Amino acid sequence: MDPAHFDLNDIEHEPTDEQLAALMECVAEEARRRGERVRSELLTSLKAGLATAMADPQTHERT
């Protein structure tokens, strides 16, 4: 069995523990990448919203 490729639906040729560990690491890395991208997008949106609100004197109190 090719160590880099396996079919999770193939019950006759189950993946090795190493293959499953590599798959889980790839899944975790992709989740981290997507999470960071979404976090960055949300932060950018929040900053833009705050800037818009602060530019409009009717939306906040001056201290």
N, C-alpha and C. Protein backbone atom coordinates (compact mmCIF):
# COMPACT_ATOMS: atom_id res chain seq x y z
N MET A 1 0.85 -1.18 0.00
CA MET A 1 0.00 0.00 0.00
C MET A 1 0.89 1.24 0.00
N ASP A 2 0.56 2.17 -0.86
CA ASP A 2 1.29 3.43 -0.95
C ASP A 2 1.11 4.20 0.35
N PRO A 3 2.20 4.60 1.02
CA PRO A 3 2.07 5.28 2.31
C PRO A 3 1.42 6.65 2.22
N ALA A 4 1.49 7.28 1.05
CA ALA A 4 0.92 8.61 0.91
C ALA A 4 -0.56 8.58 0.55
N HIS A 5 -1.05 7.47 -0.02
CA HIS A 5 -2.42 7.41 -0.50
C HIS A 5 -3.12 6.18 0.06
N PHE A 6 -4.32 6.38 0.52
CA PHE A 6 -5.15 5.26 0.95
C PHE A 6 -6.60 5.68 0.85
N ASP A 7 -7.47 4.70 0.84
CA ASP A 7 -8.90 4.95 0.74
C ASP A 7 -9.55 4.55 2.06
N LEU A 8 -10.11 5.52 2.77
CA LEU A 8 -10.74 5.23 4.06
C LEU A 8 -11.93 4.28 3.93
N ASN A 9 -12.49 4.16 2.74
CA ASN A 9 -13.63 3.28 2.52
C ASN A 9 -13.23 1.86 2.15
N ASP A 10 -11.94 1.62 1.94
CA ASP A 10 -11.46 0.29 1.55
C ASP A 10 -11.25 -0.52 2.83
N ILE A 11 -12.23 -1.39 3.15
CA ILE A 11 -12.14 -2.15 4.40
C ILE A 11 -11.19 -3.34 4.31
N GLU A 12 -10.76 -3.67 3.11
CA GLU A 12 -9.82 -4.78 2.95
C GLU A 12 -8.37 -4.33 3.15
N HIS A 13 -8.09 -3.08 2.93
CA HIS A 13 -6.72 -2.55 3.06
C HIS A 13 -6.78 -1.31 3.97
N GLU A 14 -6.80 -1.56 5.24
CA GLU A 14 -6.91 -0.45 6.20
C GLU A 14 -5.61 0.35 6.23
N PRO A 15 -5.72 1.65 6.45
CA PRO A 15 -4.52 2.48 6.54
C PRO A 15 -3.73 2.16 7.80
N THR A 16 -2.44 2.41 7.74
CA THR A 16 -1.59 2.18 8.90
C THR A 16 -1.78 3.32 9.90
N ASP A 17 -1.29 3.11 11.10
CA ASP A 17 -1.35 4.16 12.11
C ASP A 17 -0.60 5.40 11.64
N GLU A 18 0.50 5.19 10.94
CA GLU A 18 1.28 6.32 10.44
C GLU A 18 0.49 7.11 9.40
N GLN A 19 -0.22 6.40 8.52
CA GLN A 19 -1.03 7.08 7.51
C GLN A 19 -2.16 7.86 8.17
N LEU A 20 -2.79 7.27 9.17
CA LEU A 20 -3.86 7.97 9.86
C LEU A 20 -3.33 9.19 10.61
N ALA A 21 -2.17 9.05 11.23
CA ALA A 21 -1.56 10.18 11.93
C ALA A 21 -1.24 11.31 10.95
N ALA A 22 -0.71 10.95 9.79
CA ALA A 22 -0.40 11.97 8.77
C ALA A 22 -1.68 12.65 8.29
N LEU A 23 -2.73 11.87 8.10
CA LEU A 23 -4.02 12.43 7.68
C LEU A 23 -4.54 13.41 8.73
N MET A 24 -4.50 13.01 9.98
CA MET A 24 -5.00 13.87 11.05
C MET A 24 -4.16 15.14 11.16
N GLU A 25 -2.87 15.05 10.95
CA GLU A 25 -2.02 16.24 10.99
C GLU A 25 -2.38 17.19 9.84
N CYS A 26 -2.65 16.63 8.66
CA CYS A 26 -3.08 17.46 7.52
C CYS A 26 -4.42 18.13 7.82
N VAL A 27 -5.34 17.39 8.41
CA VAL A 27 -6.64 17.96 8.76
C VAL A 27 -6.47 19.08 9.78
N ALA A 28 -5.64 18.85 10.80
CA ALA A 28 -5.42 19.86 11.83
C ALA A 28 -4.76 21.10 11.24
N GLU A 29 -3.80 20.92 10.36
CA GLU A 29 -3.13 22.05 9.74
C GLU A 29 -4.10 22.88 8.89
N GLU A 30 -4.95 22.20 8.14
CA GLU A 30 -5.95 22.90 7.33
C GLU A 30 -6.93 23.65 8.22
N ALA A 31 -7.34 23.04 9.33
CA ALA A 31 -8.25 23.72 10.26
C ALA A 31 -7.58 24.96 10.85
N ARG A 32 -6.30 24.86 11.20
CA ARG A 32 -5.57 26.03 11.72
C ARG A 32 -5.49 27.13 10.66
N ARG A 33 -5.18 26.74 9.43
CA ARG A 33 -5.07 27.72 8.34
C ARG A 33 -6.40 28.44 8.11
N ARG A 34 -7.47 27.67 8.04
CA ARG A 34 -8.79 28.27 7.81
C ARG A 34 -9.22 29.13 9.01
N GLY A 35 -8.94 28.64 10.19
CA GLY A 35 -9.28 29.41 11.39
C GLY A 35 -8.56 30.74 11.43
N GLU A 36 -7.29 30.74 11.08
CA GLU A 36 -6.51 31.98 11.07
C GLU A 36 -7.04 32.93 10.00
N ARG A 37 -7.39 32.39 8.83
CA ARG A 37 -7.93 33.24 7.76
C ARG A 37 -9.25 33.88 8.20
N VAL A 38 -10.15 33.10 8.78
CA VAL A 38 -11.44 33.63 9.22
C VAL A 38 -11.23 34.64 10.34
N ARG A 39 -10.33 34.34 11.27
CA ARG A 39 -10.03 35.28 12.36
C ARG A 39 -9.55 36.62 11.79
N SER A 40 -8.66 36.54 10.82
CA SER A 40 -8.13 37.75 10.19
C SER A 40 -9.24 38.53 9.50
N GLU A 41 -10.11 37.84 8.78
CA GLU A 41 -11.21 38.50 8.08
C GLU A 41 -12.17 39.16 9.08
N LEU A 42 -12.46 38.47 10.18
CA LEU A 42 -13.36 39.04 11.18
C LEU A 42 -12.73 40.26 11.85
N LEU A 43 -11.45 40.19 12.14
CA LEU A 43 -10.76 41.32 12.75
C LEU A 43 -10.75 42.52 11.82
N THR A 44 -10.51 42.29 10.54
CA THR A 44 -10.53 43.37 9.56
C THR A 44 -11.92 44.00 9.49
N SER A 45 -12.95 43.16 9.48
CA SER A 45 -14.32 43.65 9.44
C SER A 45 -14.66 44.44 10.70
N LEU A 46 -14.22 43.94 11.86
CA LEU A 46 -14.47 44.64 13.11
C LEU A 46 -13.79 46.01 13.12
N LYS A 47 -12.55 46.05 12.67
CA LYS A 47 -11.83 47.33 12.63
C LYS A 47 -12.52 48.31 11.68
N ALA A 48 -12.98 47.82 10.55
CA ALA A 48 -13.67 48.70 9.60
C ALA A 48 -14.97 49.21 10.21
N GLY A 49 -15.69 48.35 10.89
CA GLY A 49 -16.93 48.77 11.54
C GLY A 49 -16.69 49.79 12.63
N LEU A 50 -15.64 49.57 13.41
CA LEU A 50 -15.30 50.53 14.46
C LEU A 50 -14.89 51.87 13.87
N ALA A 51 -14.12 51.84 12.81
CA ALA A 51 -13.69 53.08 12.16
C ALA A 51 -14.89 53.84 11.62
N THR A 52 -15.83 53.13 11.05
CA THR A 52 -17.04 53.77 10.52
C THR A 52 -17.86 54.38 11.66
N ALA A 53 -18.02 53.62 12.73
CA ALA A 53 -18.79 54.11 13.87
C ALA A 53 -18.12 55.31 14.52
N MET A 54 -16.81 55.29 14.63
CA MET A 54 -16.09 56.39 15.27
C MET A 54 -16.10 57.65 14.40
N ALA A 55 -16.25 57.49 13.11
CA ALA A 55 -16.29 58.64 12.20
C ALA A 55 -17.63 59.35 12.26
N ASP A 56 -18.65 58.65 12.75
CA ASP A 56 -19.99 59.23 12.83
C ASP A 56 -20.25 59.64 14.28
N PRO A 57 -20.31 60.95 14.57
CA PRO A 57 -20.45 61.41 15.94
C PRO A 57 -21.77 60.96 16.60
N GLN A 58 -22.76 60.58 15.82
CA GLN A 58 -24.03 60.13 16.39
C GLN A 58 -23.98 58.71 16.95
N THR A 59 -22.91 57.97 16.64
CA THR A 59 -22.85 56.58 17.06
C THR A 59 -22.04 56.35 18.32
N HIS A 60 -21.43 57.41 18.87
CA HIS A 60 -20.65 57.20 20.09
C HIS A 60 -20.61 58.48 20.91
N GLU A 61 -20.31 58.32 22.18
CA GLU A 61 -20.18 59.48 23.07
C GLU A 61 -18.73 59.91 23.13
N ARG A 62 -18.51 61.15 23.14
CA ARG A 62 -17.15 61.66 23.30
C ARG A 62 -16.84 61.72 24.78
N THR A 63 -15.60 61.39 25.12
CA THR A 63 -15.20 61.42 26.53
C THR A 63 -14.46 62.67 26.87
